[in-house]
Amino acid sequence: MRSTTFRDLLVPLALVVGATAFAADSNMVPGQLSPPSQAGRGTVKAAEKASQDAANAGKKAVDAAEAAAEKGKADAGKISQALAEGIRRAARKAAEAANRFQEKAGASSARAIDSTREAARAVEEESRKASVAAREALARADESVKRSAQASKEEAEKAAQATREALDKAAEAMRNAARAAADAAEQSAQAVKRAARPAGAEKP
């Protein structure tokens, strides 16, 4: 009778020991159903980095666009080929920065996770619009250079005015896109923080 009782006790004891060993090997903690996925965290961090890269590119694009717009305003009323070429150089820098921003925004959209995908796509679309506006401003600046060298003063001034307006429009579009990029980067940063918390943990 005593032998039977001892064997009966060994069975549940073995189950308890086995379950404890399994939990230790799995690095599980109380209240956590499964260990955090390293692959999942890596995906979130990659998305956050791409989003931050886009936001940084957006800041640089804004700086370049605003510099070009300010250059155009500073030279308003002055007609010369040299001034027009200076504005065109600034417009080209702005267009190049806008292209880099659009590329970074596209990469961010491709890497976005479910919770940030909508914001990332909005950034991609806004950066595309800003890039189009920057290219239009550059085209206007090209035309202004030609007019300053070949056309009458009145026509040259009209071309310069059209360039200033296009540069202002591009700068505004770039600011809108950069704001969207900054918001998306913040959402991605919050997603990283959420991924770092153990499953079931309370939000601080």
N, C-alpha and C. Protein backbone atom coordinates (compact mmCIF):
# COMPACT_ATOMS: atom_id res chain seq x y z
N MET A 1 0.84 -1.21 0.00
CA MET A 1 0.00 0.00 0.00
C MET A 1 0.86 1.24 0.00
N ARG A 2 1.95 1.19 0.81
CA ARG A 2 2.84 2.35 0.88
C ARG A 2 3.55 2.55 -0.45
N SER A 3 3.96 1.44 -1.14
CA SER A 3 4.66 1.54 -2.42
C SER A 3 3.77 2.17 -3.48
N THR A 4 2.52 1.80 -3.50
CA THR A 4 1.59 2.37 -4.47
C THR A 4 1.42 3.85 -4.26
N THR A 5 1.31 4.27 -3.03
CA THR A 5 1.13 5.69 -2.71
C THR A 5 2.34 6.49 -3.14
N PHE A 6 3.56 5.95 -2.96
CA PHE A 6 4.77 6.65 -3.34
C PHE A 6 4.85 6.85 -4.85
N ARG A 7 4.45 5.81 -5.62
CA ARG A 7 4.46 5.94 -7.08
C ARG A 7 3.44 6.97 -7.54
N ASP A 8 2.32 7.00 -6.87
CA ASP A 8 1.29 7.98 -7.24
C ASP A 8 1.79 9.40 -7.04
N LEU A 9 2.63 9.63 -6.04
CA LEU A 9 3.16 10.97 -5.78
C LEU A 9 4.23 11.36 -6.79
N LEU A 10 4.96 10.38 -7.32
CA LEU A 10 6.02 10.69 -8.26
C LEU A 10 5.51 11.27 -9.57
N VAL A 11 4.34 10.84 -10.02
CA VAL A 11 3.81 11.29 -11.32
C VAL A 11 3.56 12.79 -11.34
N PRO A 12 2.75 13.37 -10.43
CA PRO A 12 2.55 14.83 -10.46
C PRO A 12 3.83 15.59 -10.18
N LEU A 13 4.73 15.05 -9.36
CA LEU A 13 5.99 15.73 -9.08
C LEU A 13 6.82 15.85 -10.34
N ALA A 14 6.85 14.80 -11.15
CA ALA A 14 7.61 14.84 -12.41
C ALA A 14 7.03 15.88 -13.36
N LEU A 15 5.70 15.99 -13.38
CA LEU A 15 5.05 16.98 -14.25
C LEU A 15 5.42 18.39 -13.84
N VAL A 16 5.44 18.65 -12.55
CA VAL A 16 5.77 19.99 -12.05
C VAL A 16 7.20 20.35 -12.40
N VAL A 17 8.13 19.40 -12.17
CA VAL A 17 9.55 19.64 -12.47
C VAL A 17 9.74 19.91 -13.97
N GLY A 18 9.06 19.12 -14.80
CA GLY A 18 9.19 19.30 -16.24
C GLY A 18 8.68 20.65 -16.71
N ALA A 19 7.55 21.07 -16.16
CA ALA A 19 6.97 22.36 -16.55
C ALA A 19 7.86 23.50 -16.13
N THR A 20 8.47 23.37 -14.94
CA THR A 20 9.37 24.41 -14.45
C THR A 20 10.59 24.54 -15.34
N ALA A 21 11.14 23.41 -15.74
CA ALA A 21 12.31 23.42 -16.61
C ALA A 21 11.99 24.03 -17.96
N PHE A 22 10.80 23.72 -18.49
CA PHE A 22 10.39 24.28 -19.78
C PHE A 22 10.27 25.79 -19.71
N ALA A 23 9.66 26.29 -18.61
CA ALA A 23 9.50 27.73 -18.45
C ALA A 23 10.84 28.42 -18.35
N ALA A 24 11.79 27.79 -17.64
CA ALA A 24 13.12 28.39 -17.50
C ALA A 24 13.84 28.44 -18.83
N ASP A 25 13.75 27.35 -19.60
CA ASP A 25 14.41 27.33 -20.90
C ASP A 25 13.81 28.36 -21.85
N SER A 26 12.54 28.65 -21.70
CA SER A 26 11.86 29.58 -22.59
C SER A 26 12.01 31.02 -22.15
N ASN A 27 12.69 31.25 -20.98
CA ASN A 27 12.84 32.60 -20.44
C ASN A 27 11.50 33.27 -20.22
N MET A 28 10.52 32.55 -19.81
CA MET A 28 9.19 33.09 -19.58
C MET A 28 9.14 33.76 -18.21
N VAL A 29 8.31 34.75 -18.10
CA VAL A 29 8.13 35.47 -16.84
C VAL A 29 6.66 35.42 -16.50
N PRO A 30 6.33 35.62 -15.21
CA PRO A 30 4.91 35.58 -14.82
C PRO A 30 4.09 36.58 -15.63
N GLY A 31 2.94 36.16 -16.10
CA GLY A 31 2.06 37.03 -16.86
C GLY A 31 2.40 37.11 -18.33
N GLN A 32 3.44 36.38 -18.77
CA GLN A 32 3.85 36.41 -20.17
C GLN A 32 3.57 35.06 -20.79
N LEU A 33 2.76 35.06 -21.86
CA LEU A 33 2.37 33.81 -22.47
C LEU A 33 3.48 33.22 -23.31
N SER A 34 4.32 34.05 -23.91
CA SER A 34 5.41 33.57 -24.73
C SER A 34 6.52 34.59 -24.70
N PRO A 35 7.77 34.16 -24.94
CA PRO A 35 8.89 35.09 -24.91
C PRO A 35 8.78 36.10 -26.05
N PRO A 36 9.32 37.32 -25.89
CA PRO A 36 9.26 38.32 -26.95
C PRO A 36 9.97 37.82 -28.19
N SER A 37 9.43 38.12 -29.34
CA SER A 37 10.02 37.69 -30.59
C SER A 37 11.14 38.64 -31.00
N GLN A 38 12.36 38.12 -31.07
CA GLN A 38 13.49 38.95 -31.48
C GLN A 38 13.33 39.39 -32.93
N ALA A 39 12.78 38.50 -33.76
CA ALA A 39 12.56 38.85 -35.16
C ALA A 39 11.55 39.98 -35.27
N GLY A 40 10.50 39.90 -34.44
CA GLY A 40 9.48 40.95 -34.46
C GLY A 40 10.04 42.28 -34.02
N ARG A 41 10.87 42.27 -32.99
CA ARG A 41 11.49 43.51 -32.53
C ARG A 41 12.41 44.08 -33.60
N GLY A 42 13.11 43.21 -34.28
CA GLY A 42 14.01 43.67 -35.34
C GLY A 42 13.25 44.35 -36.46
N THR A 43 12.09 43.81 -36.80
CA THR A 43 11.27 44.40 -37.85
C THR A 43 10.78 45.78 -37.44
N VAL A 44 10.36 45.90 -36.18
CA VAL A 44 9.88 47.19 -35.68
C VAL A 44 11.00 48.22 -35.67
N LYS A 45 12.18 47.80 -35.22
CA LYS A 45 13.32 48.73 -35.17
C LYS A 45 13.75 49.16 -36.56
N ALA A 46 13.71 48.24 -37.52
CA ALA A 46 14.07 48.57 -38.90
C ALA A 46 13.08 49.59 -39.47
N ALA A 47 11.80 49.40 -39.15
CA ALA A 47 10.79 50.35 -39.60
C ALA A 47 11.00 51.71 -38.96
N GLU A 48 11.37 51.71 -37.68
CA GLU A 48 11.60 52.98 -36.98
C GLU A 48 12.80 53.72 -37.57
N LYS A 49 13.85 52.99 -37.88
CA LYS A 49 15.04 53.62 -38.47
C LYS A 49 14.72 54.22 -39.84
N ALA A 50 14.00 53.48 -40.66
CA ALA A 50 13.63 53.98 -41.98
C ALA A 50 12.75 55.22 -41.86
N SER A 51 11.86 55.21 -40.89
CA SER A 51 10.99 56.36 -40.67
C SER A 51 11.79 57.58 -40.22
N GLN A 52 12.77 57.34 -39.33
CA GLN A 52 13.61 58.45 -38.86
C GLN A 52 14.48 58.98 -39.98
N ASP A 53 14.97 58.10 -40.84
CA ASP A 53 15.77 58.53 -41.99
C ASP A 53 14.94 59.44 -42.90
N ALA A 54 13.68 59.07 -43.09
CA ALA A 54 12.79 59.89 -43.92
C ALA A 54 12.55 61.26 -43.28
N ALA A 55 12.36 61.26 -41.96
CA ALA A 55 12.14 62.52 -41.25
C ALA A 55 13.37 63.42 -41.36
N ASN A 56 14.55 62.85 -41.23
CA ASN A 56 15.79 63.63 -41.34
C ASN A 56 15.95 64.19 -42.76
N ALA A 57 15.64 63.37 -43.74
CA ALA A 57 15.71 63.83 -45.13
C ALA A 57 14.69 64.94 -45.38
N GLY A 58 13.54 64.82 -44.72
CA GLY A 58 12.52 65.86 -44.85
C GLY A 58 13.00 67.20 -44.31
N LYS A 59 13.69 67.17 -43.17
CA LYS A 59 14.23 68.40 -42.59
C LYS A 59 15.22 69.07 -43.54
N LYS A 60 16.10 68.26 -44.11
CA LYS A 60 17.09 68.79 -45.04
C LYS A 60 16.41 69.36 -46.30
N ALA A 61 15.38 68.68 -46.75
CA ALA A 61 14.67 69.16 -47.93
C ALA A 61 13.97 70.49 -47.66
N VAL A 62 13.43 70.63 -46.46
CA VAL A 62 12.80 71.90 -46.08
C VAL A 62 13.84 73.02 -46.06
N ASP A 63 14.98 72.74 -45.47
CA ASP A 63 16.05 73.75 -45.41
C ASP A 63 16.44 74.21 -46.82
N ALA A 64 16.59 73.25 -47.73
CA ALA A 64 17.00 73.58 -49.09
C ALA A 64 15.89 74.35 -49.82
N ALA A 65 14.65 73.95 -49.62
CA ALA A 65 13.53 74.62 -50.29
C ALA A 65 13.35 76.04 -49.77
N GLU A 66 13.47 76.21 -48.47
CA GLU A 66 13.32 77.54 -47.90
C GLU A 66 14.48 78.45 -48.29
N ALA A 67 15.68 77.88 -48.39
CA ALA A 67 16.83 78.67 -48.83
C ALA A 67 16.64 79.17 -50.26
N ALA A 68 16.10 78.29 -51.11
CA ALA A 68 15.85 78.69 -52.49
C ALA A 68 14.78 79.78 -52.56
N ALA A 69 13.73 79.61 -51.77
CA ALA A 69 12.67 80.62 -51.76
C ALA A 69 13.17 81.97 -51.26
N GLU A 70 14.00 81.94 -50.22
CA GLU A 70 14.57 83.18 -49.69
C GLU A 70 15.51 83.83 -50.69
N LYS A 71 16.24 83.02 -51.43
CA LYS A 71 17.12 83.55 -52.47
C LYS A 71 16.32 84.28 -53.53
N GLY A 72 15.20 83.69 -53.90
CA GLY A 72 14.36 84.33 -54.90
C GLY A 72 13.80 85.66 -54.41
N LYS A 73 13.38 85.71 -53.16
CA LYS A 73 12.82 86.94 -52.59
C LYS A 73 13.89 88.02 -52.46
N ALA A 74 15.09 87.61 -52.05
CA ALA A 74 16.17 88.58 -51.85
C ALA A 74 16.55 89.28 -53.15
N ASP A 75 16.39 88.57 -54.26
CA ASP A 75 16.78 89.13 -55.55
C ASP A 75 15.59 89.70 -56.32
N ALA A 76 14.47 89.82 -55.68
CA ALA A 76 13.27 90.34 -56.35
C ALA A 76 13.53 91.77 -56.84
N GLY A 77 13.12 92.04 -58.05
CA GLY A 77 13.29 93.37 -58.63
C GLY A 77 14.63 93.58 -59.29
N LYS A 78 15.51 92.62 -59.15
CA LYS A 78 16.83 92.72 -59.78
C LYS A 78 16.90 91.74 -60.94
N ILE A 79 17.21 92.24 -62.10
CA ILE A 79 17.25 91.40 -63.28
C ILE A 79 18.67 91.30 -63.80
N SER A 80 19.21 90.09 -63.73
CA SER A 80 20.52 89.82 -64.33
C SER A 80 20.66 88.32 -64.49
N GLN A 81 21.45 87.92 -65.46
CA GLN A 81 21.64 86.50 -65.69
C GLN A 81 22.35 85.84 -64.52
N ALA A 82 23.29 86.56 -63.91
CA ALA A 82 24.04 86.01 -62.78
C ALA A 82 23.12 85.72 -61.60
N LEU A 83 22.21 86.64 -61.30
CA LEU A 83 21.27 86.44 -60.20
C LEU A 83 20.32 85.28 -60.51
N ALA A 84 19.85 85.23 -61.75
CA ALA A 84 18.94 84.15 -62.15
C ALA A 84 19.62 82.80 -62.04
N GLU A 85 20.90 82.74 -62.40
CA GLU A 85 21.62 81.48 -62.31
C GLU A 85 21.85 81.08 -60.85
N GLY A 86 22.02 82.08 -59.97
CA GLY A 86 22.15 81.78 -58.55
C GLY A 86 20.88 81.18 -57.98
N ILE A 87 19.74 81.72 -58.40
CA ILE A 87 18.45 81.19 -57.97
C ILE A 87 18.26 79.78 -58.51
N ARG A 88 18.70 79.57 -59.75
CA ARG A 88 18.56 78.23 -60.34
C ARG A 88 19.40 77.21 -59.59
N ARG A 89 20.59 77.58 -59.18
CA ARG A 89 21.43 76.65 -58.41
C ARG A 89 20.75 76.28 -57.09
N ALA A 90 20.15 77.28 -56.45
CA ALA A 90 19.44 77.00 -55.19
C ALA A 90 18.24 76.10 -55.44
N ALA A 91 17.53 76.35 -56.55
CA ALA A 91 16.36 75.54 -56.90
C ALA A 91 16.77 74.11 -57.21
N ARG A 92 17.93 73.95 -57.84
CA ARG A 92 18.41 72.59 -58.15
C ARG A 92 18.75 71.83 -56.88
N LYS A 93 19.39 72.50 -55.95
CA LYS A 93 19.71 71.86 -54.66
C LYS A 93 18.43 71.42 -53.96
N ALA A 94 17.42 72.28 -54.02
CA ALA A 94 16.14 71.96 -53.39
C ALA A 94 15.49 70.76 -54.07
N ALA A 95 15.56 70.70 -55.39
CA ALA A 95 14.96 69.58 -56.12
C ALA A 95 15.70 68.28 -55.81
N GLU A 96 17.02 68.35 -55.69
CA GLU A 96 17.79 67.15 -55.36
C GLU A 96 17.48 66.66 -53.95
N ALA A 97 17.36 67.59 -53.02
CA ALA A 97 17.00 67.22 -51.64
C ALA A 97 15.60 66.62 -51.60
N ALA A 98 14.70 67.17 -52.41
CA ALA A 98 13.34 66.64 -52.47
C ALA A 98 13.33 65.22 -53.00
N ASN A 99 14.16 64.95 -53.99
CA ASN A 99 14.25 63.59 -54.54
C ASN A 99 14.76 62.60 -53.49
N ARG A 100 15.77 63.03 -52.73
CA ARG A 100 16.29 62.15 -51.68
C ARG A 100 15.24 61.89 -50.60
N PHE A 101 14.50 62.92 -50.29
CA PHE A 101 13.41 62.78 -49.32
C PHE A 101 12.38 61.78 -49.81
N GLN A 102 12.01 61.90 -51.07
CA GLN A 102 11.02 60.99 -51.64
C GLN A 102 11.52 59.56 -51.61
N GLU A 103 12.80 59.37 -51.90
CA GLU A 103 13.38 58.02 -51.87
C GLU A 103 13.33 57.44 -50.45
N LYS A 104 13.71 58.25 -49.47
CA LYS A 104 13.68 57.79 -48.08
C LYS A 104 12.24 57.50 -47.64
N ALA A 105 11.31 58.32 -48.07
CA ALA A 105 9.90 58.11 -47.72
C ALA A 105 9.39 56.81 -48.32
N GLY A 106 9.81 56.52 -49.55
CA GLY A 106 9.41 55.26 -50.19
C GLY A 106 9.97 54.06 -49.45
N ALA A 107 11.23 54.17 -49.01
CA ALA A 107 11.84 53.07 -48.26
C ALA A 107 11.15 52.88 -46.92
N SER A 108 10.76 53.98 -46.29
CA SER A 108 10.05 53.90 -45.01
C SER A 108 8.68 53.23 -45.19
N SER A 109 8.00 53.59 -46.25
CA SER A 109 6.69 52.99 -46.51
C SER A 109 6.81 51.49 -46.74
N ALA A 110 7.88 51.08 -47.42
CA ALA A 110 8.08 49.66 -47.71
C ALA A 110 8.38 48.86 -46.44
N ARG A 111 9.00 49.48 -45.46
CA ARG A 111 9.38 48.80 -44.23
C ARG A 111 8.37 48.97 -43.10
N ALA A 112 7.37 49.79 -43.30
CA ALA A 112 6.43 50.11 -42.23
C ALA A 112 5.69 48.88 -41.72
N ILE A 113 5.41 48.88 -40.43
CA ILE A 113 4.62 47.80 -39.83
C ILE A 113 3.15 48.20 -39.87
N ASP A 114 2.29 47.29 -39.47
CA ASP A 114 0.85 47.52 -39.60
C ASP A 114 0.39 48.81 -38.92
N SER A 115 0.89 49.07 -37.71
CA SER A 115 0.41 50.22 -36.95
C SER A 115 0.88 51.56 -37.49
N THR A 116 1.90 51.55 -38.35
CA THR A 116 2.42 52.82 -38.88
C THR A 116 2.33 52.90 -40.41
N ARG A 117 1.78 51.88 -41.02
CA ARG A 117 1.77 51.84 -42.49
C ARG A 117 0.97 53.00 -43.10
N GLU A 118 -0.16 53.33 -42.52
CA GLU A 118 -0.97 54.42 -43.07
C GLU A 118 -0.22 55.75 -43.02
N ALA A 119 0.43 56.01 -41.89
CA ALA A 119 1.20 57.25 -41.75
C ALA A 119 2.37 57.27 -42.73
N ALA A 120 3.05 56.15 -42.90
CA ALA A 120 4.19 56.08 -43.80
C ALA A 120 3.76 56.30 -45.25
N ARG A 121 2.62 55.77 -45.61
CA ARG A 121 2.13 55.97 -46.97
C ARG A 121 1.74 57.44 -47.20
N ALA A 122 1.21 58.07 -46.17
CA ALA A 122 0.87 59.49 -46.27
C ALA A 122 2.13 60.32 -46.50
N VAL A 123 3.21 59.96 -45.81
CA VAL A 123 4.49 60.66 -46.00
C VAL A 123 4.99 60.46 -47.43
N GLU A 124 4.89 59.24 -47.90
CA GLU A 124 5.34 58.94 -49.27
C GLU A 124 4.57 59.80 -50.28
N GLU A 125 3.28 59.93 -50.09
CA GLU A 125 2.47 60.72 -51.01
C GLU A 125 2.79 62.21 -50.90
N GLU A 126 2.94 62.71 -49.69
CA GLU A 126 3.26 64.12 -49.50
C GLU A 126 4.64 64.45 -50.05
N SER A 127 5.59 63.54 -49.87
CA SER A 127 6.94 63.78 -50.39
C SER A 127 6.94 63.77 -51.92
N ARG A 128 6.07 62.95 -52.50
CA ARG A 128 5.96 62.92 -53.96
C ARG A 128 5.43 64.26 -54.47
N LYS A 129 4.42 64.79 -53.81
CA LYS A 129 3.88 66.09 -54.20
C LYS A 129 4.93 67.19 -54.07
N ALA A 130 5.68 67.13 -52.97
CA ALA A 130 6.71 68.14 -52.74
C ALA A 130 7.82 68.04 -53.80
N SER A 131 8.15 66.83 -54.18
CA SER A 131 9.18 66.63 -55.20
C SER A 131 8.72 67.18 -56.55
N VAL A 132 7.46 66.97 -56.86
CA VAL A 132 6.90 67.51 -58.11
C VAL A 132 6.97 69.03 -58.09
N ALA A 133 6.60 69.63 -56.95
CA ALA A 133 6.62 71.08 -56.82
C ALA A 133 8.06 71.62 -56.95
N ALA A 134 9.01 70.89 -56.39
CA ALA A 134 10.41 71.32 -56.47
C ALA A 134 10.92 71.24 -57.91
N ARG A 135 10.53 70.22 -58.63
CA ARG A 135 10.94 70.11 -60.04
C ARG A 135 10.30 71.22 -60.88
N GLU A 136 9.08 71.56 -60.56
CA GLU A 136 8.40 72.65 -61.27
C GLU A 136 9.12 73.98 -61.01
N ALA A 137 9.54 74.19 -59.77
CA ALA A 137 10.27 75.41 -59.43
C ALA A 137 11.59 75.47 -60.19
N LEU A 138 12.26 74.33 -60.29
CA LEU A 138 13.52 74.30 -61.03
C LEU A 138 13.29 74.62 -62.51
N ALA A 139 12.21 74.09 -63.06
CA ALA A 139 11.89 74.38 -64.46
C ALA A 139 11.63 75.87 -64.65
N ARG A 140 10.96 76.48 -63.68
CA ARG A 140 10.71 77.93 -63.75
C ARG A 140 12.02 78.71 -63.66
N ALA A 141 12.91 78.23 -62.82
CA ALA A 141 14.20 78.89 -62.67
C ALA A 141 15.02 78.77 -63.95
N ASP A 142 14.94 77.63 -64.62
CA ASP A 142 15.62 77.46 -65.91
C ASP A 142 15.10 78.48 -66.92
N GLU A 143 13.80 78.62 -66.95
CA GLU A 143 13.17 79.57 -67.87
C GLU A 143 13.58 81.00 -67.53
N SER A 144 13.69 81.29 -66.24
CA SER A 144 14.07 82.63 -65.83
C SER A 144 15.49 82.97 -66.29
N VAL A 145 16.38 82.00 -66.23
CA VAL A 145 17.74 82.23 -66.70
C VAL A 145 17.73 82.56 -68.20
N LYS A 146 16.97 81.84 -68.96
CA LYS A 146 16.88 82.10 -70.40
C LYS A 146 16.30 83.48 -70.68
N ARG A 147 15.26 83.83 -69.95
CA ARG A 147 14.61 85.13 -70.15
C ARG A 147 15.54 86.28 -69.77
N SER A 148 16.31 86.07 -68.72
CA SER A 148 17.21 87.15 -68.28
C SER A 148 18.29 87.45 -69.30
N ALA A 149 18.60 86.45 -70.12
CA ALA A 149 19.66 86.64 -71.11
C ALA A 149 19.13 87.05 -72.48
N GLN A 150 17.90 86.69 -72.78
CA GLN A 150 17.41 86.87 -74.15
C GLN A 150 16.19 87.77 -74.27
N ALA A 151 15.38 87.89 -73.26
CA ALA A 151 14.11 88.60 -73.37
C ALA A 151 14.22 90.03 -72.85
N SER A 152 13.12 90.73 -72.99
CA SER A 152 13.06 92.10 -72.47
C SER A 152 13.03 92.09 -70.95
N LYS A 153 13.27 93.25 -70.35
CA LYS A 153 13.27 93.34 -68.90
C LYS A 153 11.91 92.95 -68.32
N GLU A 154 10.85 93.34 -69.00
CA GLU A 154 9.50 93.01 -68.52
C GLU A 154 9.27 91.50 -68.52
N GLU A 155 9.66 90.85 -69.60
CA GLU A 155 9.48 89.41 -69.69
C GLU A 155 10.38 88.68 -68.69
N ALA A 156 11.57 89.20 -68.51
CA ALA A 156 12.49 88.61 -67.54
C ALA A 156 11.93 88.71 -66.13
N GLU A 157 11.31 89.85 -65.81
CA GLU A 157 10.71 90.03 -64.48
C GLU A 157 9.52 89.10 -64.28
N LYS A 158 8.73 88.90 -65.33
CA LYS A 158 7.61 87.96 -65.22
C LYS A 158 8.12 86.55 -64.95
N ALA A 159 9.18 86.17 -65.62
CA ALA A 159 9.75 84.85 -65.42
C ALA A 159 10.31 84.71 -64.01
N ALA A 160 10.94 85.78 -63.53
CA ALA A 160 11.50 85.75 -62.17
C ALA A 160 10.38 85.66 -61.14
N GLN A 161 9.28 86.35 -61.38
CA GLN A 161 8.14 86.31 -60.46
C GLN A 161 7.52 84.91 -60.43
N ALA A 162 7.40 84.31 -61.60
CA ALA A 162 6.87 82.95 -61.68
C ALA A 162 7.77 81.97 -60.92
N THR A 163 9.07 82.21 -60.99
CA THR A 163 10.03 81.36 -60.26
C THR A 163 9.84 81.52 -58.76
N ARG A 164 9.71 82.77 -58.31
CA ARG A 164 9.53 83.00 -56.87
C ARG A 164 8.26 82.33 -56.36
N GLU A 165 7.20 82.43 -57.13
CA GLU A 165 5.94 81.80 -56.72
C GLU A 165 6.08 80.28 -56.66
N ALA A 166 6.77 79.72 -57.64
CA ALA A 166 6.96 78.27 -57.67
C ALA A 166 7.84 77.82 -56.51
N LEU A 167 8.86 78.61 -56.17
CA LEU A 167 9.73 78.27 -55.05
C LEU A 167 8.97 78.33 -53.73
N ASP A 168 8.10 79.32 -53.59
CA ASP A 168 7.28 79.42 -52.37
C ASP A 168 6.35 78.21 -52.25
N LYS A 169 5.76 77.84 -53.36
CA LYS A 169 4.85 76.69 -53.37
C LYS A 169 5.60 75.41 -53.01
N ALA A 170 6.79 75.27 -53.54
CA ALA A 170 7.59 74.08 -53.25
C ALA A 170 7.99 74.03 -51.78
N ALA A 171 8.34 75.19 -51.23
CA ALA A 171 8.73 75.23 -49.81
C ALA A 171 7.56 74.86 -48.92
N GLU A 172 6.38 75.33 -49.25
CA GLU A 172 5.20 75.00 -48.45
C GLU A 172 4.87 73.51 -48.54
N ALA A 173 4.95 72.96 -49.74
CA ALA A 173 4.70 71.53 -49.92
C ALA A 173 5.73 70.71 -49.15
N MET A 174 6.96 71.19 -49.13
CA MET A 174 8.01 70.46 -48.42
C MET A 174 7.78 70.50 -46.91
N ARG A 175 7.34 71.65 -46.41
CA ARG A 175 7.04 71.75 -44.97
C ARG A 175 5.92 70.80 -44.58
N ASN A 176 4.89 70.71 -45.41
CA ASN A 176 3.79 69.78 -45.12
C ASN A 176 4.28 68.34 -45.09
N ALA A 177 5.11 67.98 -46.06
CA ALA A 177 5.62 66.61 -46.12
C ALA A 177 6.54 66.32 -44.94
N ALA A 178 7.35 67.29 -44.56
CA ALA A 178 8.27 67.08 -43.44
C ALA A 178 7.52 66.92 -42.13
N ARG A 179 6.43 67.67 -41.96
CA ARG A 179 5.61 67.51 -40.75
C ARG A 179 5.02 66.11 -40.69
N ALA A 180 4.54 65.64 -41.82
CA ALA A 180 3.98 64.28 -41.87
C ALA A 180 5.06 63.25 -41.55
N ALA A 181 6.28 63.49 -42.03
CA ALA A 181 7.38 62.56 -41.76
C ALA A 181 7.75 62.55 -40.28
N ALA A 182 7.74 63.73 -39.66
CA ALA A 182 8.06 63.81 -38.23
C ALA A 182 7.00 63.08 -37.41
N ASP A 183 5.74 63.23 -37.78
CA ASP A 183 4.66 62.54 -37.08
C ASP A 183 4.80 61.02 -37.23
N ALA A 184 5.11 60.59 -38.43
CA ALA A 184 5.27 59.15 -38.68
C ALA A 184 6.46 58.59 -37.90
N ALA A 185 7.53 59.36 -37.80
CA ALA A 185 8.70 58.92 -37.05
C ALA A 185 8.36 58.77 -35.57
N GLU A 186 7.55 59.68 -35.06
CA GLU A 186 7.13 59.59 -33.65
C GLU A 186 6.27 58.35 -33.43
N GLN A 187 5.38 58.05 -34.36
CA GLN A 187 4.56 56.84 -34.25
C GLN A 187 5.44 55.59 -34.25
N SER A 188 6.46 55.58 -35.09
CA SER A 188 7.36 54.44 -35.15
C SER A 188 8.16 54.29 -33.86
N ALA A 189 8.56 55.42 -33.28
CA ALA A 189 9.29 55.37 -32.02
C ALA A 189 8.42 54.79 -30.91
N GLN A 190 7.15 55.15 -30.91
CA GLN A 190 6.23 54.60 -29.92
C GLN A 190 6.03 53.11 -30.14
N ALA A 191 6.03 52.68 -31.40
CA ALA A 191 5.89 51.25 -31.70
C ALA A 191 7.08 50.46 -31.16
N VAL A 192 8.27 51.05 -31.24
CA VAL A 192 9.47 50.40 -30.69
C VAL A 192 9.34 50.23 -29.19
N LYS A 193 8.84 51.26 -28.51
CA LYS A 193 8.67 51.18 -27.06
C LYS A 193 7.65 50.10 -26.69
N ARG A 194 6.58 50.02 -27.48
CA ARG A 194 5.58 48.99 -27.19
C ARG A 194 6.15 47.59 -27.39
N ALA A 195 6.96 47.43 -28.43
CA ALA A 195 7.55 46.12 -28.72
C ALA A 195 8.54 45.70 -27.65
N ALA A 196 9.14 46.68 -26.98
CA ALA A 196 10.14 46.37 -25.96
C ALA A 196 9.51 45.94 -24.65
N ARG A 197 8.22 46.25 -24.45
CA ARG A 197 7.56 45.86 -23.21
C ARG A 197 7.16 44.39 -23.27
N PRO A 198 7.31 43.65 -22.16
CA PRO A 198 6.89 42.25 -22.12
C PRO A 198 5.39 42.14 -22.38
N ALA A 199 4.98 41.04 -22.95
CA ALA A 199 3.57 40.82 -23.22
C ALA A 199 2.78 40.88 -21.92
N GLY A 200 1.69 41.62 -21.92
CA GLY A 200 0.84 41.72 -20.75
C GLY A 200 1.27 42.80 -19.78
N ALA A 201 2.40 43.49 -20.07
CA ALA A 201 2.87 44.53 -19.16
C ALA A 201 1.98 45.74 -19.28
N GLU A 202 1.81 46.43 -18.18
CA GLU A 202 0.99 47.63 -18.16
C GLU A 202 1.75 48.79 -18.80
N LYS A 203 1.06 49.65 -19.53
CA LYS A 203 1.67 50.84 -20.10
C LYS A 203 1.93 51.83 -18.98
N PRO A 204 3.17 52.36 -18.87
CA PRO A 204 3.48 53.29 -17.77
C PRO A 204 2.72 54.60 -17.90
